[in-house]
């Protein structure tokens, strides 16, 4: 890889160095570390905030932030505002509702589940890992995104899980 193709990308608060063009979209990189390369590429880093009506908002955050051709979707818990439903006990139904809400949220800003590149699952109980995978796999049957699964002491609202994603616009 030559010097021109060495990028350092800030993605979701983490540094990833030496990626050749993995996150390049339309010959533009999300964020280029060296100012000279940044200026040559002509990339502008503007942030656009999207709030989604079907999602509950429980604090000072945005549902979706768009930047550099990516959509950063805040953690979604299993709440269905339209049907006034909260799922706190059945992890399979909760996973299905969360992923359905993520799908609808992404579609509301012109993206889709098949453009998700990274997901993070926060589980209240790791014993539910296989149940979550069973449902998760139906939403990402082919070429699933990168994923992390983290056990947490609790999810606000006593929910069994919360999922956040990063998707391409």
N, C-alpha and C. Protein backbone atom coordinates (compact mmCIF):
# COMPACT_ATOMS: atom_id res chain seq x y z
N UNK A 1 0.86 -1.18 0.00
CA UNK A 1 0.00 0.00 0.00
C UNK A 1 0.90 1.23 0.00
N UNK A 2 0.69 2.17 -0.95
CA UNK A 2 1.54 3.35 -0.99
C UNK A 2 1.03 4.42 -0.02
N UNK A 3 1.84 5.44 0.18
CA UNK A 3 1.55 6.49 1.16
C UNK A 3 0.22 7.20 0.86
N UNK A 4 -0.08 7.38 -0.42
CA UNK A 4 -1.30 8.07 -0.81
C UNK A 4 -2.55 7.34 -0.32
N UNK A 5 -2.46 6.01 -0.22
CA UNK A 5 -3.62 5.22 0.18
C UNK A 5 -3.71 4.95 1.68
N UNK A 6 -2.82 5.51 2.45
CA UNK A 6 -2.86 5.29 3.91
C UNK A 6 -3.79 6.32 4.53
N UNK A 7 -4.84 5.83 5.12
CA UNK A 7 -5.82 6.70 5.76
C UNK A 7 -5.95 6.30 7.23
N UNK A 8 -6.27 7.26 8.04
CA UNK A 8 -6.66 6.96 9.41
C UNK A 8 -8.08 7.46 9.55
N UNK A 9 -8.96 6.59 9.88
CA UNK A 9 -10.37 6.93 9.91
C UNK A 9 -10.86 6.90 11.35
N UNK A 10 -11.57 7.95 11.71
CA UNK A 10 -12.21 7.93 13.02
C UNK A 10 -13.62 7.40 12.78
N UNK A 11 -13.93 6.29 13.42
CA UNK A 11 -15.22 5.67 13.22
C UNK A 11 -15.76 5.24 14.58
N UNK A 12 -16.85 5.84 14.97
CA UNK A 12 -17.50 5.52 16.25
C UNK A 12 -16.54 5.64 17.42
N UNK A 13 -15.68 6.67 17.37
CA UNK A 13 -14.80 6.92 18.50
C UNK A 13 -13.56 6.06 18.56
N UNK A 14 -13.29 5.23 17.55
CA UNK A 14 -12.12 4.36 17.54
C UNK A 14 -11.24 4.73 16.36
N UNK A 15 -9.91 4.59 16.54
CA UNK A 15 -8.97 4.83 15.44
C UNK A 15 -8.72 3.52 14.69
N UNK A 16 -8.78 3.59 13.40
CA UNK A 16 -8.40 2.45 12.58
C UNK A 16 -7.41 2.97 11.55
N UNK A 17 -6.18 2.53 11.61
CA UNK A 17 -5.15 3.07 10.72
C UNK A 17 -4.79 2.06 9.64
N UNK A 18 -4.38 2.57 8.50
CA UNK A 18 -3.87 1.73 7.45
C UNK A 18 -4.93 1.07 6.60
N UNK A 19 -6.16 1.49 6.70
CA UNK A 19 -7.19 0.91 5.84
C UNK A 19 -7.04 1.51 4.45
N UNK A 20 -6.98 0.67 3.47
CA UNK A 20 -6.72 1.17 2.13
C UNK A 20 -7.93 1.89 1.56
N UNK A 21 -9.05 1.24 1.42
CA UNK A 21 -10.21 1.93 0.88
C UNK A 21 -11.50 1.29 1.37
N UNK A 22 -11.44 0.61 2.49
CA UNK A 22 -12.60 -0.11 2.99
C UNK A 22 -13.80 0.80 3.20
N UNK A 23 -13.54 1.99 3.71
CA UNK A 23 -14.65 2.89 4.00
C UNK A 23 -14.76 4.02 2.99
N UNK A 24 -14.13 3.86 1.84
CA UNK A 24 -14.27 4.88 0.82
C UNK A 24 -15.60 4.71 0.11
N UNK A 25 -16.26 5.82 -0.10
CA UNK A 25 -17.52 5.81 -0.82
C UNK A 25 -17.40 6.87 -1.90
N UNK A 26 -17.68 6.52 -3.13
CA UNK A 26 -17.57 7.45 -4.24
C UNK A 26 -16.22 8.17 -4.24
N UNK A 27 -15.16 7.41 -4.01
CA UNK A 27 -13.79 7.92 -4.02
C UNK A 27 -13.55 8.99 -2.97
N UNK A 28 -14.35 9.01 -1.93
CA UNK A 28 -14.12 9.94 -0.83
C UNK A 28 -14.08 9.15 0.46
N UNK A 29 -13.18 9.51 1.33
CA UNK A 29 -13.04 8.80 2.59
C UNK A 29 -13.79 9.55 3.68
N UNK A 30 -14.25 8.81 4.70
CA UNK A 30 -14.99 9.44 5.79
C UNK A 30 -14.22 10.60 6.40
N UNK A 31 -13.04 10.31 6.88
CA UNK A 31 -12.21 11.34 7.50
C UNK A 31 -10.78 10.94 7.28
N UNK A 32 -10.00 11.84 6.73
CA UNK A 32 -8.63 11.54 6.42
C UNK A 32 -7.74 12.22 7.45
N UNK A 33 -6.78 11.47 7.96
CA UNK A 33 -5.94 11.94 9.06
C UNK A 33 -5.05 13.10 8.66
N UNK A 34 -4.33 12.99 7.54
CA UNK A 34 -3.41 14.04 7.14
C UNK A 34 -4.16 15.16 6.45
N UNK A 35 -3.92 16.37 6.89
CA UNK A 35 -4.63 17.54 6.35
C UNK A 35 -4.44 17.66 4.84
N UNK A 36 -3.23 17.39 4.34
CA UNK A 36 -2.99 17.54 2.91
C UNK A 36 -3.86 16.59 2.09
N UNK A 37 -3.98 15.35 2.52
CA UNK A 37 -4.84 14.39 1.82
C UNK A 37 -6.29 14.81 1.96
N UNK A 38 -6.66 15.28 3.13
CA UNK A 38 -8.03 15.73 3.38
C UNK A 38 -8.41 16.83 2.40
N UNK A 39 -7.51 17.79 2.22
CA UNK A 39 -7.78 18.91 1.32
C UNK A 39 -7.86 18.42 -0.13
N UNK A 40 -6.99 17.48 -0.51
CA UNK A 40 -7.02 16.97 -1.88
C UNK A 40 -8.33 16.25 -2.19
N UNK A 41 -8.81 15.51 -1.22
CA UNK A 41 -10.04 14.76 -1.44
C UNK A 41 -11.26 15.66 -1.49
N UNK A 42 -11.19 16.83 -0.88
CA UNK A 42 -12.32 17.74 -0.88
C UNK A 42 -13.48 17.25 -0.04
N UNK A 43 -13.20 16.47 0.98
CA UNK A 43 -14.24 15.90 1.82
C UNK A 43 -14.69 16.93 2.85
N UNK A 44 -15.97 17.11 2.97
CA UNK A 44 -16.48 17.97 4.02
C UNK A 44 -17.15 17.10 5.06
N UNK A 45 -16.90 17.41 6.30
CA UNK A 45 -17.47 16.62 7.39
C UNK A 45 -18.59 17.41 8.04
N UNK A 46 -19.75 17.29 7.49
CA UNK A 46 -20.91 17.93 8.07
C UNK A 46 -21.72 16.88 8.78
N UNK A 47 -22.38 17.30 9.83
CA UNK A 47 -23.20 16.38 10.62
C UNK A 47 -24.66 16.77 10.44
N UNK A 48 -25.47 15.76 10.17
CA UNK A 48 -26.91 15.98 10.04
C UNK A 48 -27.60 15.07 11.05
N UNK A 49 -28.54 15.62 11.78
CA UNK A 49 -29.23 14.89 12.84
C UNK A 49 -30.63 14.50 12.36
N UNK A 50 -31.00 13.25 12.63
CA UNK A 50 -32.33 12.76 12.27
C UNK A 50 -33.01 12.23 13.53
N UNK A 51 -34.19 12.71 13.82
CA UNK A 51 -35.00 12.11 14.87
C UNK A 51 -36.15 11.37 14.19
N UNK A 52 -36.42 10.18 14.67
CA UNK A 52 -37.37 9.29 14.01
C UNK A 52 -38.62 9.16 14.88
N UNK A 53 -39.77 9.46 14.29
CA UNK A 53 -41.04 9.49 15.05
C UNK A 53 -41.39 8.17 15.70
N UNK A 54 -41.04 7.05 15.09
CA UNK A 54 -41.45 5.74 15.63
C UNK A 54 -40.61 5.31 16.84
N UNK A 55 -39.55 6.08 17.14
CA UNK A 55 -38.66 5.72 18.24
C UNK A 55 -38.86 6.64 19.44
N UNK A 56 -38.72 6.07 20.61
CA UNK A 56 -38.79 6.85 21.84
C UNK A 56 -37.45 7.55 22.04
N UNK A 57 -37.50 8.71 22.66
CA UNK A 57 -36.27 9.45 22.95
C UNK A 57 -36.23 9.70 24.44
N UNK A 58 -35.26 9.09 25.11
CA UNK A 58 -35.20 9.16 26.56
C UNK A 58 -34.06 9.99 27.10
N UNK A 59 -33.55 10.93 26.35
CA UNK A 59 -32.45 11.74 26.84
C UNK A 59 -31.92 12.68 25.78
N UNK A 60 -30.84 13.38 26.10
CA UNK A 60 -30.26 14.36 25.16
C UNK A 60 -29.36 13.68 24.12
N UNK A 61 -29.96 13.02 23.17
CA UNK A 61 -29.21 12.38 22.08
C UNK A 61 -30.08 12.39 20.83
N UNK A 62 -29.48 12.09 19.71
CA UNK A 62 -30.20 11.99 18.44
C UNK A 62 -30.39 10.53 18.10
N UNK A 63 -31.50 10.22 17.44
CA UNK A 63 -31.73 8.84 17.02
C UNK A 63 -30.68 8.41 16.00
N UNK A 64 -30.46 9.28 15.00
CA UNK A 64 -29.50 8.96 13.94
C UNK A 64 -28.69 10.22 13.64
N UNK A 65 -27.39 10.04 13.54
CA UNK A 65 -26.50 11.12 13.11
C UNK A 65 -25.86 10.67 11.81
N UNK A 66 -25.95 11.52 10.81
CA UNK A 66 -25.37 11.25 9.50
C UNK A 66 -24.09 12.06 9.37
N UNK A 67 -22.99 11.40 9.03
CA UNK A 67 -21.71 12.08 8.84
C UNK A 67 -20.82 11.24 7.94
N UNK A 68 -20.18 11.89 6.99
CA UNK A 68 -19.22 11.20 6.14
C UNK A 68 -19.78 10.03 5.36
N UNK A 69 -21.05 10.07 5.01
CA UNK A 69 -21.65 8.98 4.25
C UNK A 69 -22.12 7.82 5.11
N UNK A 70 -22.02 7.97 6.42
CA UNK A 70 -22.45 6.92 7.34
C UNK A 70 -23.59 7.41 8.22
N UNK A 71 -24.38 6.46 8.69
CA UNK A 71 -25.47 6.73 9.63
C UNK A 71 -25.14 6.02 10.94
N UNK A 72 -25.08 6.78 12.02
CA UNK A 72 -24.80 6.25 13.34
C UNK A 72 -26.12 6.22 14.10
N UNK A 73 -26.64 5.02 14.31
CA UNK A 73 -27.95 4.85 14.94
C UNK A 73 -27.75 4.57 16.42
N UNK A 74 -28.34 5.42 17.25
CA UNK A 74 -28.25 5.25 18.71
C UNK A 74 -28.88 3.93 19.12
N UNK A 75 -28.54 3.49 20.31
CA UNK A 75 -29.08 2.24 20.83
C UNK A 75 -30.60 2.24 20.86
N UNK A 76 -31.19 1.17 20.36
CA UNK A 76 -32.64 1.02 20.28
C UNK A 76 -33.05 -0.09 21.25
N UNK A 77 -34.07 0.21 22.04
CA UNK A 77 -34.63 -0.77 22.98
C UNK A 77 -35.98 -1.24 22.45
N UNK A 78 -36.49 -2.37 22.97
CA UNK A 78 -37.74 -2.94 22.44
C UNK A 78 -39.01 -2.23 22.90
N UNK A 79 -39.24 -1.08 22.26
CA UNK A 79 -40.47 -0.32 22.52
C UNK A 79 -41.14 -0.06 21.17
N UNK A 80 -42.43 -0.33 21.11
CA UNK A 80 -43.25 -0.06 19.92
C UNK A 80 -44.21 1.04 20.31
N UNK A 81 -43.90 2.29 19.91
CA UNK A 81 -44.74 3.42 20.27
C UNK A 81 -46.13 3.35 19.64
N UNK A 82 -46.19 2.87 18.39
CA UNK A 82 -47.47 2.82 17.69
C UNK A 82 -48.47 1.91 18.40
N UNK A 83 -47.99 0.79 18.92
CA UNK A 83 -48.88 -0.16 19.60
C UNK A 83 -48.76 -0.08 21.13
N UNK A 84 -48.00 0.90 21.60
CA UNK A 84 -47.77 1.09 23.04
C UNK A 84 -47.37 -0.23 23.70
N UNK A 85 -46.29 -0.81 23.18
CA UNK A 85 -45.81 -2.11 23.63
C UNK A 85 -44.35 -1.99 24.07
N UNK A 86 -44.04 -2.55 25.23
CA UNK A 86 -42.67 -2.64 25.74
C UNK A 86 -42.41 -4.10 26.06
N UNK A 87 -41.31 -4.64 25.56
CA UNK A 87 -40.99 -6.04 25.81
C UNK A 87 -39.80 -6.11 26.77
N UNK A 88 -40.05 -6.64 27.95
CA UNK A 88 -38.99 -6.73 28.96
C UNK A 88 -38.64 -8.17 29.34
N UNK A 89 -39.41 -9.15 28.86
CA UNK A 89 -39.20 -10.51 29.33
C UNK A 89 -38.81 -11.53 28.25
N UNK A 90 -39.25 -11.36 27.03
CA UNK A 90 -39.01 -12.33 25.95
C UNK A 90 -37.92 -11.79 25.02
N UNK A 91 -36.71 -12.32 25.14
CA UNK A 91 -35.58 -11.77 24.39
C UNK A 91 -35.73 -11.97 22.88
N UNK A 92 -36.36 -13.04 22.44
CA UNK A 92 -36.56 -13.24 21.00
C UNK A 92 -37.50 -12.18 20.43
N UNK A 93 -38.63 -11.97 21.10
CA UNK A 93 -39.57 -10.94 20.64
C UNK A 93 -38.95 -9.56 20.74
N UNK A 94 -38.16 -9.34 21.79
CA UNK A 94 -37.49 -8.05 21.98
C UNK A 94 -36.49 -7.79 20.84
N UNK A 95 -35.72 -8.81 20.50
CA UNK A 95 -34.74 -8.68 19.42
C UNK A 95 -35.44 -8.39 18.10
N UNK A 96 -36.51 -9.10 17.83
CA UNK A 96 -37.27 -8.87 16.60
C UNK A 96 -37.81 -7.44 16.53
N UNK A 97 -38.35 -6.94 17.63
CA UNK A 97 -38.89 -5.58 17.65
C UNK A 97 -37.78 -4.55 17.47
N UNK A 98 -36.66 -4.73 18.15
CA UNK A 98 -35.55 -3.79 18.02
C UNK A 98 -35.05 -3.74 16.58
N UNK A 99 -34.81 -4.90 15.98
CA UNK A 99 -34.31 -4.93 14.61
C UNK A 99 -35.34 -4.41 13.61
N UNK A 100 -36.60 -4.65 13.87
CA UNK A 100 -37.66 -4.08 13.02
C UNK A 100 -37.64 -2.55 13.13
N UNK A 101 -37.47 -2.02 14.34
CA UNK A 101 -37.41 -0.57 14.52
C UNK A 101 -36.16 0.02 13.87
N UNK A 102 -35.04 -0.68 13.95
CA UNK A 102 -33.82 -0.21 13.28
C UNK A 102 -34.03 -0.18 11.77
N UNK A 103 -34.65 -1.23 11.24
CA UNK A 103 -34.96 -1.29 9.80
C UNK A 103 -35.81 -0.10 9.38
N UNK A 104 -36.86 0.17 10.13
CA UNK A 104 -37.75 1.29 9.80
C UNK A 104 -37.04 2.63 9.94
N UNK A 105 -36.20 2.77 10.95
CA UNK A 105 -35.45 4.01 11.16
C UNK A 105 -34.50 4.26 9.99
N UNK A 106 -33.76 3.21 9.59
CA UNK A 106 -32.83 3.35 8.47
C UNK A 106 -33.57 3.69 7.18
N UNK A 107 -34.69 3.03 6.94
CA UNK A 107 -35.47 3.31 5.73
C UNK A 107 -36.01 4.74 5.73
N UNK A 108 -36.29 5.28 6.90
CA UNK A 108 -36.82 6.65 6.98
C UNK A 108 -35.79 7.70 6.55
N UNK A 109 -34.51 7.33 6.54
CA UNK A 109 -33.47 8.26 6.11
C UNK A 109 -32.76 7.78 4.83
N UNK A 110 -33.40 6.85 4.12
CA UNK A 110 -32.90 6.43 2.82
C UNK A 110 -31.85 5.33 2.84
N UNK A 111 -31.79 4.53 3.88
CA UNK A 111 -30.85 3.43 3.94
C UNK A 111 -31.61 2.14 4.18
N UNK A 112 -30.90 1.08 4.55
CA UNK A 112 -31.57 -0.20 4.79
C UNK A 112 -30.67 -1.10 5.64
N UNK A 113 -31.22 -2.20 6.08
CA UNK A 113 -30.44 -3.15 6.89
C UNK A 113 -29.26 -3.74 6.12
N UNK A 114 -29.40 -3.91 4.80
CA UNK A 114 -28.28 -4.49 4.07
C UNK A 114 -27.14 -3.49 3.87
N UNK A 115 -27.27 -2.27 4.37
CA UNK A 115 -26.18 -1.30 4.35
C UNK A 115 -25.53 -1.14 5.72
N UNK A 116 -25.96 -1.96 6.68
CA UNK A 116 -25.36 -1.92 8.01
C UNK A 116 -23.97 -2.56 7.94
N UNK A 117 -22.96 -1.83 8.46
CA UNK A 117 -21.59 -2.34 8.44
C UNK A 117 -21.13 -2.80 9.82
N UNK A 118 -21.79 -2.33 10.87
CA UNK A 118 -21.39 -2.68 12.24
C UNK A 118 -22.60 -2.61 13.15
N UNK A 119 -22.73 -3.60 14.01
CA UNK A 119 -23.79 -3.61 15.02
C UNK A 119 -23.16 -3.90 16.37
N UNK A 120 -23.72 -3.31 17.40
CA UNK A 120 -23.32 -3.62 18.76
C UNK A 120 -24.56 -4.00 19.54
N UNK A 121 -24.53 -5.19 20.13
CA UNK A 121 -25.65 -5.69 20.93
C UNK A 121 -25.24 -5.63 22.39
N UNK A 122 -26.07 -4.99 23.19
CA UNK A 122 -25.87 -4.93 24.63
C UNK A 122 -26.90 -5.86 25.27
N UNK A 123 -26.42 -6.94 25.88
CA UNK A 123 -27.30 -7.96 26.45
C UNK A 123 -27.28 -7.90 27.97
N UNK A 124 -28.46 -7.96 28.56
CA UNK A 124 -28.57 -7.99 30.01
C UNK A 124 -28.11 -9.34 30.57
N UNK A 125 -28.30 -10.40 29.78
CA UNK A 125 -27.93 -11.74 30.23
C UNK A 125 -27.33 -12.51 29.06
N UNK A 126 -26.06 -12.89 29.18
CA UNK A 126 -25.39 -13.60 28.09
C UNK A 126 -25.98 -14.98 27.84
N UNK A 127 -26.79 -15.47 28.74
CA UNK A 127 -27.48 -16.74 28.51
C UNK A 127 -28.46 -16.61 27.34
N UNK A 128 -28.80 -15.37 26.97
CA UNK A 128 -29.72 -15.11 25.86
C UNK A 128 -29.01 -15.01 24.51
N UNK A 129 -27.70 -15.18 24.50
CA UNK A 129 -26.91 -14.99 23.29
C UNK A 129 -27.42 -15.82 22.10
N UNK A 130 -27.67 -17.10 22.30
CA UNK A 130 -28.14 -17.96 21.20
C UNK A 130 -29.53 -17.57 20.72
N UNK A 131 -30.39 -17.17 21.63
CA UNK A 131 -31.74 -16.73 21.25
C UNK A 131 -31.68 -15.46 20.40
N UNK A 132 -30.81 -14.54 20.79
CA UNK A 132 -30.63 -13.31 20.01
C UNK A 132 -30.10 -13.66 18.63
N UNK A 133 -29.10 -14.53 18.55
CA UNK A 133 -28.52 -14.93 17.26
C UNK A 133 -29.55 -15.54 16.33
N UNK A 134 -30.44 -16.33 16.89
CA UNK A 134 -31.48 -16.98 16.10
C UNK A 134 -32.34 -15.95 15.37
N UNK A 135 -32.75 -14.92 16.06
CA UNK A 135 -33.57 -13.87 15.45
C UNK A 135 -32.72 -12.95 14.59
N UNK A 136 -31.56 -12.55 15.10
CA UNK A 136 -30.65 -11.64 14.40
C UNK A 136 -30.33 -12.18 13.00
N UNK A 137 -30.09 -13.48 12.91
CA UNK A 137 -29.76 -14.11 11.63
C UNK A 137 -30.86 -14.00 10.59
N UNK A 138 -32.11 -13.88 11.01
CA UNK A 138 -33.20 -13.73 10.04
C UNK A 138 -33.23 -12.33 9.44
N UNK A 139 -32.67 -11.34 10.14
CA UNK A 139 -32.62 -9.98 9.62
C UNK A 139 -31.37 -9.75 8.77
N UNK A 140 -30.33 -10.54 8.99
CA UNK A 140 -29.08 -10.43 8.24
C UNK A 140 -28.70 -11.82 7.70
N UNK A 141 -29.50 -12.37 6.77
CA UNK A 141 -29.26 -13.74 6.32
C UNK A 141 -28.03 -13.91 5.43
N UNK A 142 -27.61 -12.83 4.76
CA UNK A 142 -26.48 -12.92 3.84
C UNK A 142 -25.53 -11.75 4.12
N UNK A 143 -24.26 -12.03 4.18
CA UNK A 143 -23.23 -11.02 4.43
C UNK A 143 -23.57 -10.13 5.63
N UNK A 144 -23.70 -10.73 6.81
CA UNK A 144 -24.04 -9.94 7.99
C UNK A 144 -22.94 -8.93 8.32
N UNK A 145 -23.32 -7.85 9.01
CA UNK A 145 -22.33 -6.84 9.37
C UNK A 145 -21.39 -7.34 10.47
N UNK A 146 -20.31 -6.62 10.65
CA UNK A 146 -19.45 -6.87 11.81
C UNK A 146 -20.31 -6.63 13.05
N UNK A 147 -19.99 -7.35 14.13
CA UNK A 147 -20.84 -7.21 15.31
C UNK A 147 -20.05 -7.46 16.58
N UNK A 148 -20.41 -6.72 17.60
CA UNK A 148 -19.91 -6.97 18.95
C UNK A 148 -21.11 -7.25 19.82
N UNK A 149 -20.92 -8.11 20.80
CA UNK A 149 -21.99 -8.39 21.76
C UNK A 149 -21.38 -8.22 23.15
N UNK A 150 -21.99 -7.36 23.95
CA UNK A 150 -21.45 -7.01 25.25
C UNK A 150 -22.48 -7.31 26.33
N UNK A 151 -22.04 -7.97 27.38
CA UNK A 151 -22.91 -8.19 28.54
C UNK A 151 -22.87 -6.94 29.40
N UNK A 152 -24.03 -6.45 29.77
CA UNK A 152 -24.11 -5.27 30.63
C UNK A 152 -24.89 -5.62 31.90
N UNK A 153 -24.64 -4.89 32.94
CA UNK A 153 -25.33 -5.16 34.20
C UNK A 153 -26.83 -4.98 34.05
N UNK A 154 -27.22 -3.92 33.37
CA UNK A 154 -28.63 -3.71 33.07
C UNK A 154 -28.77 -2.75 31.91
N UNK A 155 -29.91 -2.83 31.24
CA UNK A 155 -30.25 -1.92 30.16
C UNK A 155 -31.33 -0.99 30.73
N UNK A 156 -31.19 0.33 30.56
CA UNK A 156 -32.21 1.23 31.10
C UNK A 156 -33.61 0.79 30.69
N UNK A 157 -34.54 0.79 31.64
CA UNK A 157 -35.91 0.36 31.38
C UNK A 157 -36.11 -1.12 31.65
N UNK A 158 -35.09 -1.79 32.15
CA UNK A 158 -35.15 -3.22 32.44
C UNK A 158 -35.40 -4.06 31.19
N UNK A 159 -34.91 -3.60 30.04
CA UNK A 159 -35.06 -4.33 28.79
C UNK A 159 -33.99 -5.41 28.70
N UNK A 160 -34.26 -6.49 27.95
CA UNK A 160 -33.26 -7.55 27.84
C UNK A 160 -32.08 -7.20 26.94
N UNK A 161 -32.25 -6.22 26.05
CA UNK A 161 -31.17 -5.85 25.15
C UNK A 161 -31.36 -4.47 24.58
N UNK A 162 -30.31 -3.98 23.99
CA UNK A 162 -30.30 -2.72 23.23
C UNK A 162 -29.33 -2.96 22.08
N UNK A 163 -29.67 -2.44 20.90
CA UNK A 163 -28.79 -2.62 19.74
C UNK A 163 -28.56 -1.26 19.07
N UNK A 164 -27.30 -0.99 18.74
CA UNK A 164 -26.96 0.20 17.95
C UNK A 164 -26.25 -0.27 16.69
N UNK A 165 -26.37 0.53 15.63
CA UNK A 165 -25.74 0.15 14.36
C UNK A 165 -25.08 1.35 13.69
N UNK A 166 -24.16 1.02 12.79
CA UNK A 166 -23.58 2.00 11.88
C UNK A 166 -23.88 1.47 10.48
N UNK A 167 -24.44 2.34 9.63
CA UNK A 167 -24.82 1.93 8.27
C UNK A 167 -24.32 2.96 7.27
N UNK A 168 -24.18 2.53 6.04
CA UNK A 168 -23.87 3.45 4.96
C UNK A 168 -25.16 4.14 4.54
N UNK A 169 -25.05 5.37 4.12
CA UNK A 169 -26.23 6.12 3.66
C UNK A 169 -26.75 5.53 2.41
